[in-house]
Amino acid sequence: MTRIDITETVVAQLAELLDSGEIDQPTNWMGTQFLAQDFGFDELATFVFEADAATYYEAVRRAAQRAETDVELP
């Protein structure tokens, strides 16, 4: 896991997952990765696998803003 770029595609796909209501715990990166695979969001699934926690949480914050959803993060 490392700091990697957060692309617009990643944010858009993550926002779509948040909108879907399928993510119970957005802080559960592994669950998000599996759900991304289920939705066919390969770029998001790869991002979640490669990103460090800080980068992942930043992406979740951006996606939550886009989806106009409140997400509690550590």
PDB file of N, CA and C in Angstrom:
ATOM      1  N   MET A   1       0.839  -1.172   0.000  1.00  0.00           N
ATOM      2  CA  MET A   1       0.000   0.000   0.000  1.00  0.00           C
ATOM      3  C   MET A   1       0.883   1.234   0.000  1.00  0.00           C
ATOM      4  N   THR A   2       0.458   2.179  -0.805  1.00  0.00           N
ATOM      5  CA  THR A   2       1.255   3.383  -0.948  1.00  0.00           C
ATOM      6  C   THR A   2       0.361   4.554  -1.343  1.00  0.00           C
ATOM      7  N   ARG A   3       0.935   5.718  -1.304  1.00  0.00           N
ATOM      8  CA  ARG A   3       0.215   6.920  -1.739  1.00  0.00           C
ATOM      9  C   ARG A   3       0.168   6.901  -3.265  1.00  0.00           C
ATOM     10  N   ILE A   4      -1.033   6.894  -3.818  1.00  0.00           N
ATOM     11  CA  ILE A   4      -1.200   6.909  -5.265  1.00  0.00           C
ATOM     12  C   ILE A   4      -2.200   7.998  -5.630  1.00  0.00           C
ATOM     13  N   ASP A   5      -2.254   8.323  -6.913  1.00  0.00           N
ATOM     14  CA  ASP A   5      -3.170   9.365  -7.374  1.00  0.00           C
ATOM     15  C   ASP A   5      -4.619   8.917  -7.240  1.00  0.00           C
ATOM     16  N   ILE A   6      -5.454   9.867  -6.885  1.00  0.00           N
ATOM     17  CA  ILE A   6      -6.895   9.628  -6.823  1.00  0.00           C
ATOM     18  C   ILE A   6      -7.485  10.219  -8.101  1.00  0.00           C
ATOM     19  N   THR A   7      -7.925   9.363  -8.991  1.00  0.00           N
ATOM     20  CA  THR A   7      -8.449   9.828 -10.270  1.00  0.00           C
ATOM     21  C   THR A   7      -9.931  10.184 -10.147  1.00  0.00           C
ATOM     22  N   GLU A   8     -10.406  10.931 -11.118  1.00  0.00           N
ATOM     23  CA  GLU A   8     -11.829  11.270 -11.157  1.00  0.00           C
ATOM     24  C   GLU A   8     -12.680  10.013 -11.313  1.00  0.00           C
ATOM     25  N   THR A   9     -12.166   9.043 -12.045  1.00  0.00           N
ATOM     26  CA  THR A   9     -12.897   7.785 -12.220  1.00  0.00           C
ATOM     27  C   THR A   9     -13.072   7.079 -10.885  1.00  0.00           C
ATOM     28  N   VAL A  10     -12.012   7.050 -10.084  1.00  0.00           N
ATOM     29  CA  VAL A  10     -12.084   6.421  -8.764  1.00  0.00           C
ATOM     30  C   VAL A  10     -13.131   7.121  -7.906  1.00  0.00           C
ATOM     31  N   VAL A  11     -13.103   8.438  -7.896  1.00  0.00           N
ATOM     32  CA  VAL A  11     -14.060   9.199  -7.081  1.00  0.00           C
ATOM     33  C   VAL A  11     -15.487   8.955  -7.578  1.00  0.00           C
ATOM     34  N   ALA A  12     -15.677   8.969  -8.885  1.00  0.00           N
ATOM     35  CA  ALA A  12     -17.017   8.760  -9.450  1.00  0.00           C
ATOM     36  C   ALA A  12     -17.536   7.357  -9.140  1.00  0.00           C
ATOM     37  N   GLN A  13     -16.676   6.357  -9.285  1.00  0.00           N
ATOM     38  CA  GLN A  13     -17.100   4.985  -9.013  1.00  0.00           C
ATOM     39  C   GLN A  13     -17.388   4.792  -7.529  1.00  0.00           C
ATOM     40  N   LEU A  14     -16.563   5.366  -6.688  1.00  0.00           N
ATOM     41  CA  LEU A  14     -16.784   5.260  -5.250  1.00  0.00           C
ATOM     42  C   LEU A  14     -18.060   5.991  -4.845  1.00  0.00           C
ATOM     43  N   ALA A  15     -18.318   7.134  -5.454  1.00  0.00           N
ATOM     44  CA  ALA A  15     -19.561   7.869  -5.182  1.00  0.00           C
ATOM     45  C   ALA A  15     -20.772   7.033  -5.591  1.00  0.00           C
ATOM     46  N   GLU A  16     -20.654   6.336  -6.708  1.00  0.00           N
ATOM     47  CA  GLU A  16     -21.759   5.480  -7.151  1.00  0.00           C
ATOM     48  C   GLU A  16     -22.008   4.347  -6.158  1.00  0.00           C
ATOM     49  N   LEU A  17     -20.930   3.777  -5.628  1.00  0.00           N
ATOM     50  CA  LEU A  17     -21.094   2.730  -4.614  1.00  0.00           C
ATOM     51  C   LEU A  17     -21.763   3.286  -3.364  1.00  0.00           C
ATOM     52  N   LEU A  18     -21.348   4.478  -2.948  1.00  0.00           N
ATOM     53  CA  LEU A  18     -21.970   5.095  -1.774  1.00  0.00           C
ATOM     54  C   LEU A  18     -23.451   5.361  -2.027  1.00  0.00           C
ATOM     55  N   ASP A  19     -23.771   5.841  -3.220  1.00  0.00           N
ATOM     56  CA  ASP A  19     -25.170   6.100  -3.585  1.00  0.00           C
ATOM     57  C   ASP A  19     -26.001   4.826  -3.621  1.00  0.00           C
ATOM     58  N   SER A  20     -25.361   3.722  -3.952  1.00  0.00           N
ATOM     59  CA  SER A  20     -26.089   2.459  -4.098  1.00  0.00           C
ATOM     60  C   SER A  20     -26.627   1.941  -2.768  1.00  0.00           C
ATOM     61  N   GLY A  21     -26.018   2.385  -1.673  1.00  0.00           N
ATOM     62  CA  GLY A  21     -26.436   1.897  -0.365  1.00  0.00           C
ATOM     63  C   GLY A  21     -25.897   0.514  -0.032  1.00  0.00           C
ATOM     64  N   GLU A  22     -25.054  -0.014  -0.895  1.00  0.00           N
ATOM     65  CA  GLU A  22     -24.504  -1.354  -0.698  1.00  0.00           C
ATOM     66  C   GLU A  22     -23.339  -1.381   0.294  1.00  0.00           C
ATOM     67  N   ILE A  23     -22.712  -0.235   0.523  1.00  0.00           N
ATOM     68  CA  ILE A  23     -21.564  -0.181   1.431  1.00  0.00           C
ATOM     69  C   ILE A  23     -22.067   0.064   2.846  1.00  0.00           C
ATOM     70  N   ASP A  24     -21.888  -0.928   3.709  1.00  0.00           N
ATOM     71  CA  ASP A  24     -22.294  -0.777   5.106  1.00  0.00           C
ATOM     72  C   ASP A  24     -21.296   0.074   5.881  1.00  0.00           C
ATOM     73  N   GLN A  25     -20.035  -0.185   5.664  1.00  0.00           N
ATOM     74  CA  GLN A  25     -18.957   0.503   6.368  1.00  0.00           C
ATOM     75  C   GLN A  25     -17.949   1.019   5.345  1.00  0.00           C
ATOM     76  N   PRO A  26     -18.030   2.283   4.944  1.00  0.00           N
ATOM     77  CA  PRO A  26     -17.070   2.803   3.962  1.00  0.00           C
ATOM     78  C   PRO A  26     -15.620   2.705   4.428  1.00  0.00           C
ATOM     79  N   THR A  27     -15.403   2.605   5.736  1.00  0.00           N
ATOM     80  CA  THR A  27     -14.036   2.463   6.232  1.00  0.00           C
ATOM     81  C   THR A  27     -13.493   1.054   6.021  1.00  0.00           C
ATOM     82  N   ASN A  28     -14.350   0.118   5.680  1.00  0.00           N
ATOM     83  CA  ASN A  28     -13.931  -1.258   5.408  1.00  0.00           C
ATOM     84  C   ASN A  28     -13.457  -1.341   3.961  1.00  0.00           C
ATOM     85  N   TRP A  29     -12.178  -1.070   3.773  1.00  0.00           N
ATOM     86  CA  TRP A  29     -11.646  -1.014   2.412  1.00  0.00           C
ATOM     87  C   TRP A  29     -11.771  -2.347   1.689  1.00  0.00           C
ATOM     88  N   MET A  30     -11.642  -3.449   2.406  1.00  0.00           N
ATOM     89  CA  MET A  30     -11.724  -4.755   1.752  1.00  0.00           C
ATOM     90  C   MET A  30     -13.143  -4.992   1.215  1.00  0.00           C
ATOM     91  N   GLY A  31     -14.140  -4.640   2.009  1.00  0.00           N
ATOM     92  CA  GLY A  31     -15.519  -4.771   1.550  1.00  0.00           C
ATOM     93  C   GLY A  31     -15.782  -3.887   0.341  1.00  0.00           C
ATOM     94  N   THR A  32     -15.206  -2.693   0.361  1.00  0.00           N
ATOM     95  CA  THR A  32     -15.354  -1.780  -0.773  1.00  0.00           C
ATOM     96  C   THR A  32     -14.685  -2.357  -2.013  1.00  0.00           C
ATOM     97  N   GLN A  33     -13.530  -2.969  -1.830  1.00  0.00           N
ATOM     98  CA  GLN A  33     -12.827  -3.568  -2.968  1.00  0.00           C
ATOM     99  C   GLN A  33     -13.661  -4.689  -3.590  1.00  0.00           C
ATOM    100  N   PHE A  34     -14.215  -5.558  -2.766  1.00  0.00           N
ATOM    101  CA  PHE A  34     -15.032  -6.655  -3.289  1.00  0.00           C
ATOM    102  C   PHE A  34     -16.287  -6.123  -3.987  1.00  0.00           C
ATOM    103  N   LEU A  35     -16.909  -5.112  -3.397  1.00  0.00           N
ATOM    104  CA  LEU A  35     -18.101  -4.532  -4.005  1.00  0.00           C
ATOM    105  C   LEU A  35     -17.757  -3.864  -5.338  1.00  0.00           C
ATOM    106  N   ALA A  36     -16.610  -3.202  -5.391  1.00  0.00           N
ATOM    107  CA  ALA A  36     -16.166  -2.588  -6.651  1.00  0.00           C
ATOM    108  C   ALA A  36     -16.014  -3.661  -7.729  1.00  0.00           C
ATOM    109  N   GLN A  37     -15.475  -4.797  -7.357  1.00  0.00           N
ATOM    110  CA  GLN A  37     -15.345  -5.897  -8.316  1.00  0.00           C
ATOM    111  C   GLN A  37     -16.719  -6.384  -8.760  1.00  0.00           C
ATOM    112  N   ASP A  38     -17.650  -6.482  -7.818  1.00  0.00           N
ATOM    113  CA  ASP A  38     -19.010  -6.915  -8.152  1.00  0.00           C
ATOM    114  C   ASP A  38     -19.679  -5.958  -9.134  1.00  0.00           C
ATOM    115  N   PHE A  39     -19.394  -4.661  -8.997  1.00  0.00           N
ATOM    116  CA  PHE A  39     -19.975  -3.650  -9.877  1.00  0.00           C
ATOM    117  C   PHE A  39     -19.202  -3.526 -11.194  1.00  0.00           C
ATOM    118  N   GLY A  40     -18.078  -4.220 -11.305  1.00  0.00           N
ATOM    119  CA  GLY A  40     -17.260  -4.132 -12.510  1.00  0.00           C
ATOM    120  C   GLY A  40     -16.386  -2.887 -12.549  1.00  0.00           C
ATOM    121  N   PHE A  41     -16.129  -2.302 -11.382  1.00  0.00           N
ATOM    122  CA  PHE A  41     -15.311  -1.094 -11.282  1.00  0.00           C
ATOM    123  C   PHE A  41     -13.853  -1.491 -11.055  1.00  0.00           C
ATOM    124  N   ASP A  42     -13.200  -1.914 -12.122  1.00  0.00           N
ATOM    125  CA  ASP A  42     -11.831  -2.414 -12.008  1.00  0.00           C
ATOM    126  C   ASP A  42     -10.850  -1.355 -11.525  1.00  0.00           C
ATOM    127  N   GLU A  43     -11.010  -0.117 -12.001  1.00  0.00           N
ATOM    128  CA  GLU A  43     -10.083   0.935 -11.582  1.00  0.00           C
ATOM    129  C   GLU A  43     -10.205   1.192 -10.078  1.00  0.00           C
ATOM    130  N   LEU A  44     -11.423   1.218  -9.578  1.00  0.00           N
ATOM    131  CA  LEU A  44     -11.630   1.422  -8.146  1.00  0.00           C
ATOM    132  C   LEU A  44     -11.093   0.239  -7.347  1.00  0.00           C
ATOM    133  N   ALA A  45     -11.352  -0.966  -7.799  1.00  0.00           N
ATOM    134  CA  ALA A  45     -10.870  -2.158  -7.090  1.00  0.00           C
ATOM    135  C   ALA A  45      -9.344  -2.155  -7.006  1.00  0.00           C
ATOM    136  N   THR A  46      -8.688  -1.791  -8.085  1.00  0.00           N
ATOM    137  CA  THR A  46      -7.223  -1.717  -8.098  1.00  0.00           C
ATOM    138  C   THR A  46      -6.740  -0.613  -7.171  1.00  0.00           C
ATOM    139  N   PHE A  47      -7.408   0.530  -7.221  1.00  0.00           N
ATOM    140  CA  PHE A  47      -7.050   1.650  -6.345  1.00  0.00           C
ATOM    141  C   PHE A  47      -7.122   1.236  -4.880  1.00  0.00           C
ATOM    142  N   VAL A  48      -8.218   0.618  -4.492  1.00  0.00           N
ATOM    143  CA  VAL A  48      -8.400   0.224  -3.093  1.00  0.00           C
ATOM    144  C   VAL A  48      -7.308  -0.755  -2.669  1.00  0.00           C
ATOM    145  N   PHE A  49      -6.941  -1.659  -3.558  1.00  0.00           N
ATOM    146  CA  PHE A  49      -5.895  -2.638  -3.254  1.00  0.00           C
ATOM    147  C   PHE A  49      -4.538  -1.965  -3.067  1.00  0.00           C
ATOM    148  N   GLU A  50      -4.237  -0.964  -3.895  1.00  0.00           N
ATOM    149  CA  GLU A  50      -2.905  -0.361  -3.905  1.00  0.00           C
ATOM    150  C   GLU A  50      -2.744   0.824  -2.957  1.00  0.00           C
ATOM    151  N   ALA A  51      -3.820   1.499  -2.620  1.00  0.00           N
ATOM    152  CA  ALA A  51      -3.732   2.747  -1.852  1.00  0.00           C
ATOM    153  C   ALA A  51      -3.486   2.497  -0.369  1.00  0.00           C
ATOM    154  N   ASP A  52      -2.754   3.427   0.241  1.00  0.00           N
ATOM    155  CA  ASP A  52      -2.619   3.373   1.696  1.00  0.00           C
ATOM    156  C   ASP A  52      -3.903   3.922   2.326  1.00  0.00           C
ATOM    157  N   ALA A  53      -4.023   3.775   3.629  1.00  0.00           N
ATOM    158  CA  ALA A  53      -5.259   4.154   4.319  1.00  0.00           C
ATOM    159  C   ALA A  53      -5.583   5.635   4.150  1.00  0.00           C
ATOM    160  N   ALA A  54      -4.585   6.494   4.281  1.00  0.00           N
ATOM    161  CA  ALA A  54      -4.831   7.933   4.166  1.00  0.00           C
ATOM    162  C   ALA A  54      -5.360   8.290   2.775  1.00  0.00           C
ATOM    163  N   THR A  55      -4.801   7.679   1.759  1.00  0.00           N
ATOM    164  CA  THR A  55      -5.241   7.942   0.389  1.00  0.00           C
ATOM    165  C   THR A  55      -6.656   7.420   0.179  1.00  0.00           C
ATOM    166  N   TYR A  56      -6.925   6.228   0.689  1.00  0.00           N
ATOM    167  CA  TYR A  56      -8.269   5.657   0.561  1.00  0.00           C
ATOM    168  C   TYR A  56      -9.299   6.546   1.255  1.00  0.00           C
ATOM    169  N   TYR A  57      -9.010   6.984   2.480  1.00  0.00           N
ATOM    170  CA  TYR A  57      -9.952   7.827   3.214  1.00  0.00           C
ATOM    171  C   TYR A  57     -10.168   9.166   2.511  1.00  0.00           C
ATOM    172  N   GLU A  58      -9.128   9.703   1.908  1.00  0.00           N
ATOM    173  CA  GLU A  58      -9.279  10.943   1.149  1.00  0.00           C
ATOM    174  C   GLU A  58     -10.225  10.727  -0.034  1.00  0.00           C
ATOM    175  N   ALA A  59     -10.083   9.603  -0.703  1.00  0.00           N
ATOM    176  CA  ALA A  59     -10.976   9.284  -1.824  1.00  0.00           C
ATOM    177  C   ALA A  59     -12.413   9.122  -1.336  1.00  0.00           C
ATOM    178  N   VAL A  60     -12.585   8.488  -0.188  1.00  0.00           N
ATOM    179  CA  VAL A  60     -13.931   8.323   0.374  1.00  0.00           C
ATOM    180  C   VAL A  60     -14.533   9.691   0.698  1.00  0.00           C
ATOM    181  N   ARG A  61     -13.734  10.589   1.259  1.00  0.00           N
ATOM    182  CA  ARG A  61     -14.232  11.940   1.560  1.00  0.00           C
ATOM    183  C   ARG A  61     -14.705  12.646   0.288  1.00  0.00           C
ATOM    184  N   ARG A  62     -13.889  12.567  -0.751  1.00  0.00           N
ATOM    185  CA  ARG A  62     -14.253  13.211  -2.024  1.00  0.00           C
ATOM    186  C   ARG A  62     -15.520  12.595  -2.606  1.00  0.00           C
ATOM    187  N   ALA A  63     -15.597  11.277  -2.558  1.00  0.00           N
ATOM    188  CA  ALA A  63     -16.769  10.588  -3.102  1.00  0.00           C
ATOM    189  C   ALA A  63     -18.017  10.925  -2.294  1.00  0.00           C
ATOM    190  N   ALA A  64     -17.879  11.020  -0.987  1.00  0.00           N
ATOM    191  CA  ALA A  64     -19.022  11.358  -0.136  1.00  0.00           C
ATOM    192  C   ALA A  64     -19.521  12.765  -0.447  1.00  0.00           C
ATOM    193  N   GLN A  65     -18.604  13.683  -0.699  1.00  0.00           N
ATOM    194  CA  GLN A  65     -19.011  15.040  -1.083  1.00  0.00           C
ATOM    195  C   GLN A  65     -19.758  15.012  -2.403  1.00  0.00           C
ATOM    196  N   ARG A  66     -19.241  14.251  -3.350  1.00  0.00           N
ATOM    197  CA  ARG A  66     -19.890  14.158  -4.658  1.00  0.00           C
ATOM    198  C   ARG A  66     -21.269  13.519  -4.532  1.00  0.00           C
ATOM    199  N   ALA A  67     -21.367  12.497  -3.696  1.00  0.00           N
ATOM    200  CA  ALA A  67     -22.632  11.781  -3.523  1.00  0.00           C
ATOM    201  C   ALA A  67     -23.548  12.477  -2.521  1.00  0.00           C
ATOM    202  N   GLU A  68     -23.039  13.560  -1.926  1.00  0.00           N
ATOM    203  CA  GLU A  68     -23.783  14.294  -0.900  1.00  0.00           C
ATOM    204  C   GLU A  68     -24.253  13.351   0.206  1.00  0.00           C
ATOM    205  N   THR A  69     -23.291  12.558   0.684  1.00  0.00           N
ATOM    206  CA  THR A  69     -23.529  11.560   1.720  1.00  0.00           C
ATOM    207  C   THR A  69     -22.600  11.834   2.892  1.00  0.00           C
ATOM    208  N   ASP A  70     -23.106  11.651   4.091  1.00  0.00           N
ATOM    209  CA  ASP A  70     -22.260  11.779   5.277  1.00  0.00           C
ATOM    210  C   ASP A  70     -21.581  10.447   5.554  1.00  0.00           C
ATOM    211  N   VAL A  71     -20.272  10.498   5.719  1.00  0.00           N
ATOM    212  CA  VAL A  71     -19.493   9.302   6.021  1.00  0.00           C
ATOM    213  C   VAL A  71     -18.585   9.623   7.194  1.00  0.00           C
ATOM    214  N   GLU A  72     -18.641   8.785   8.220  1.00  0.00           N
ATOM    215  CA  GLU A  72     -17.753   8.967   9.370  1.00  0.00           C
ATOM    216  C   GLU A  72     -16.445   8.245   9.106  1.00  0.00           C
ATOM    217  N   LEU A  73     -15.364   8.998   9.187  1.00  0.00           N
ATOM    218  CA  LEU A  73     -14.036   8.431   8.977  1.00  0.00           C
ATOM    219  C   LEU A  73     -13.180   8.676  10.210  1.00  0.00           C
ATOM    220  N   PRO A  74     -12.199   7.801  10.405  1.00  0.00           N
ATOM    221  CA  PRO A  74     -11.305   7.998  11.560  1.00  0.00           C
ATOM    222  C   PRO A  74     -10.452   9.242  11.403  1.00  0.00           C
TER     223      PRO A  74
END
